[in-house]
């Protein structure tokens, strides 16, 4: 459970840092995402999911 809280805390800290340092870039990225089709957004999401799972798998002990 503590690793889940650690991971969630890291995600929130990184996203908060990005929002604090580059709010205009986030707005541009959101406009870009809104202009993409639903299938393109789905593929980006699935790719991000796969990459995240790969990173967790590589970082896991054992």
N, C-alpha and C. Protein backbone atom coordinates (compact mmCIF):
# COMPACT_ATOMS: atom_id res chain seq x y z
N UNK A 1 0.83 -1.20 0.00
CA UNK A 1 0.00 0.00 0.00
C UNK A 1 0.87 1.26 0.00
N UNK A 2 1.99 1.21 0.70
CA UNK A 2 2.84 2.40 0.76
C UNK A 2 3.46 2.71 -0.60
N UNK A 3 3.71 1.68 -1.42
CA UNK A 3 4.24 1.94 -2.76
C UNK A 3 3.20 2.61 -3.65
N UNK A 4 1.95 2.25 -3.46
CA UNK A 4 0.88 2.89 -4.23
C UNK A 4 0.80 4.37 -3.86
N UNK A 5 0.88 4.65 -2.57
CA UNK A 5 0.84 6.05 -2.13
C UNK A 5 2.06 6.81 -2.62
N UNK A 6 3.22 6.16 -2.61
CA UNK A 6 4.42 6.79 -3.14
C UNK A 6 4.27 7.11 -4.62
N UNK A 7 3.77 6.15 -5.39
CA UNK A 7 3.58 6.37 -6.83
C UNK A 7 2.58 7.50 -7.08
N UNK A 8 1.47 7.49 -6.36
CA UNK A 8 0.47 8.55 -6.52
C UNK A 8 1.04 9.91 -6.15
N UNK A 9 1.80 9.96 -5.07
CA UNK A 9 2.44 11.21 -4.67
C UNK A 9 3.40 11.73 -5.71
N UNK A 10 4.19 10.82 -6.31
CA UNK A 10 5.12 11.24 -7.36
C UNK A 10 4.39 11.77 -8.59
N UNK A 11 3.32 11.10 -8.98
CA UNK A 11 2.54 11.57 -10.13
C UNK A 11 1.97 12.96 -9.86
N UNK A 12 1.38 13.15 -8.69
CA UNK A 12 0.80 14.45 -8.35
C UNK A 12 1.87 15.54 -8.26
N UNK A 13 3.04 15.21 -7.71
CA UNK A 13 4.11 16.20 -7.61
C UNK A 13 4.61 16.60 -8.99
N UNK A 14 4.80 15.64 -9.88
CA UNK A 14 5.30 15.96 -11.22
C UNK A 14 4.25 16.75 -12.01
N UNK A 15 3.00 16.33 -11.94
CA UNK A 15 1.96 17.07 -12.66
C UNK A 15 1.79 18.47 -12.09
N UNK A 16 1.87 18.60 -10.78
CA UNK A 16 1.78 19.93 -10.16
C UNK A 16 2.93 20.81 -10.58
N UNK A 17 4.12 20.25 -10.68
CA UNK A 17 5.28 21.01 -11.10
C UNK A 17 5.12 21.50 -12.53
N UNK A 18 4.63 20.63 -13.40
CA UNK A 18 4.41 21.02 -14.80
C UNK A 18 3.37 22.14 -14.88
N UNK A 19 2.28 21.99 -14.14
CA UNK A 19 1.24 23.03 -14.16
C UNK A 19 1.75 24.35 -13.59
N UNK A 20 2.62 24.29 -12.59
CA UNK A 20 3.14 25.51 -11.98
C UNK A 20 4.16 26.20 -12.89
N UNK A 21 4.96 25.41 -13.60
CA UNK A 21 6.04 26.01 -14.39
C UNK A 21 5.64 26.35 -15.82
N UNK A 22 4.68 25.64 -16.39
CA UNK A 22 4.35 25.85 -17.80
C UNK A 22 2.84 25.75 -18.06
N UNK A 23 2.06 26.63 -17.46
CA UNK A 23 0.60 26.52 -17.66
C UNK A 23 0.16 26.75 -19.10
N UNK A 24 0.85 27.62 -19.83
CA UNK A 24 0.47 27.85 -21.23
C UNK A 24 0.73 26.63 -22.09
N UNK A 25 1.82 25.94 -21.81
CA UNK A 25 2.13 24.72 -22.57
C UNK A 25 1.05 23.66 -22.34
N UNK A 26 0.54 23.60 -21.13
CA UNK A 26 -0.53 22.64 -20.83
C UNK A 26 -1.77 23.01 -21.64
N UNK A 27 -2.10 24.29 -21.70
CA UNK A 27 -3.25 24.72 -22.49
C UNK A 27 -3.07 24.36 -23.96
N UNK A 28 -1.86 24.57 -24.49
CA UNK A 28 -1.57 24.21 -25.89
C UNK A 28 -1.72 22.70 -26.10
N UNK A 29 -1.21 21.93 -25.15
CA UNK A 29 -1.30 20.47 -25.27
C UNK A 29 -2.76 20.01 -25.21
N UNK A 30 -3.56 20.64 -24.36
CA UNK A 30 -4.98 20.28 -24.28
C UNK A 30 -5.72 20.63 -25.56
N UNK A 31 -5.37 21.78 -26.16
CA UNK A 31 -5.99 22.13 -27.45
C UNK A 31 -5.60 21.12 -28.53
N UNK A 32 -4.35 20.71 -28.52
CA UNK A 32 -3.89 19.71 -29.48
C UNK A 32 -4.64 18.39 -29.29
N UNK A 33 -4.77 17.97 -28.05
CA UNK A 33 -5.51 16.73 -27.77
C UNK A 33 -6.97 16.84 -28.20
N UNK A 34 -7.57 17.99 -27.98
CA UNK A 34 -8.97 18.18 -28.36
C UNK A 34 -9.14 18.13 -29.87
N UNK A 35 -8.10 18.51 -30.61
CA UNK A 35 -8.21 18.50 -32.06
C UNK A 35 -8.03 17.10 -32.66
N UNK A 36 -7.52 16.15 -31.88
CA UNK A 36 -7.32 14.79 -32.36
C UNK A 36 -8.63 14.01 -32.33
N UNK A 37 -8.71 13.01 -33.15
CA UNK A 37 -9.88 12.15 -33.15
C UNK A 37 -9.86 11.22 -31.94
N UNK A 38 -11.02 10.64 -31.65
CA UNK A 38 -11.15 9.77 -30.48
C UNK A 38 -10.23 8.56 -30.59
N UNK A 39 -10.08 8.01 -31.79
CA UNK A 39 -9.21 6.84 -31.95
C UNK A 39 -7.74 7.21 -31.74
N UNK A 40 -7.34 8.38 -32.18
CA UNK A 40 -5.96 8.82 -31.96
C UNK A 40 -5.69 9.02 -30.47
N UNK A 41 -6.65 9.63 -29.77
CA UNK A 41 -6.49 9.82 -28.32
C UNK A 41 -6.44 8.48 -27.61
N UNK A 42 -7.27 7.54 -28.06
CA UNK A 42 -7.27 6.21 -27.45
C UNK A 42 -5.91 5.54 -27.64
N UNK A 43 -5.33 5.65 -28.83
CA UNK A 43 -4.03 5.03 -29.10
C UNK A 43 -2.92 5.69 -28.27
N UNK A 44 -2.99 7.00 -28.10
CA UNK A 44 -2.02 7.69 -27.25
C UNK A 44 -2.16 7.20 -25.81
N UNK A 45 -3.39 7.05 -25.35
CA UNK A 45 -3.63 6.55 -24.00
C UNK A 45 -3.13 5.13 -23.82
N UNK A 46 -3.39 4.27 -24.79
CA UNK A 46 -2.92 2.89 -24.70
C UNK A 46 -1.39 2.81 -24.75
N UNK A 47 -0.78 3.64 -25.57
CA UNK A 47 0.68 3.69 -25.62
C UNK A 47 1.28 4.17 -24.31
N UNK A 48 0.66 5.19 -23.71
CA UNK A 48 1.12 5.68 -22.41
C UNK A 48 0.95 4.62 -21.33
N UNK A 49 -0.17 3.93 -21.37
CA UNK A 49 -0.42 2.85 -20.42
C UNK A 49 0.64 1.76 -20.55
N UNK A 50 0.91 1.33 -21.78
CA UNK A 50 1.90 0.28 -22.00
C UNK A 50 3.29 0.73 -21.54
N UNK A 51 3.65 1.96 -21.84
CA UNK A 51 4.96 2.47 -21.43
C UNK A 51 5.06 2.56 -19.91
N UNK A 52 3.98 3.01 -19.26
CA UNK A 52 3.96 3.08 -17.80
C UNK A 52 4.09 1.71 -17.16
N UNK A 53 3.37 0.73 -17.70
CA UNK A 53 3.47 -0.64 -17.18
C UNK A 53 4.89 -1.17 -17.38
N UNK A 54 5.49 -0.88 -18.51
CA UNK A 54 6.87 -1.31 -18.77
C UNK A 54 7.83 -0.69 -17.76
N UNK A 55 7.67 0.59 -17.48
CA UNK A 55 8.54 1.25 -16.51
C UNK A 55 8.37 0.65 -15.12
N UNK A 56 7.14 0.39 -14.72
CA UNK A 56 6.90 -0.22 -13.41
C UNK A 56 7.51 -1.61 -13.36
N UNK A 57 7.36 -2.37 -14.44
CA UNK A 57 7.92 -3.71 -14.49
C UNK A 57 9.45 -3.68 -14.39
N UNK A 58 10.07 -2.74 -15.12
CA UNK A 58 11.53 -2.62 -15.07
C UNK A 58 12.03 -2.17 -13.69
N UNK A 59 11.26 -1.34 -13.03
CA UNK A 59 11.68 -0.79 -11.73
C UNK A 59 11.37 -1.73 -10.57
N UNK A 60 10.53 -2.73 -10.79
CA UNK A 60 10.14 -3.59 -9.68
C UNK A 60 11.30 -4.51 -9.28
N UNK A 61 11.46 -4.69 -8.00
CA UNK A 61 12.55 -5.57 -7.54
C UNK A 61 12.24 -7.04 -7.85
N UNK A 62 13.29 -7.76 -8.13
CA UNK A 62 13.12 -9.20 -8.36
C UNK A 62 12.91 -9.50 -9.77
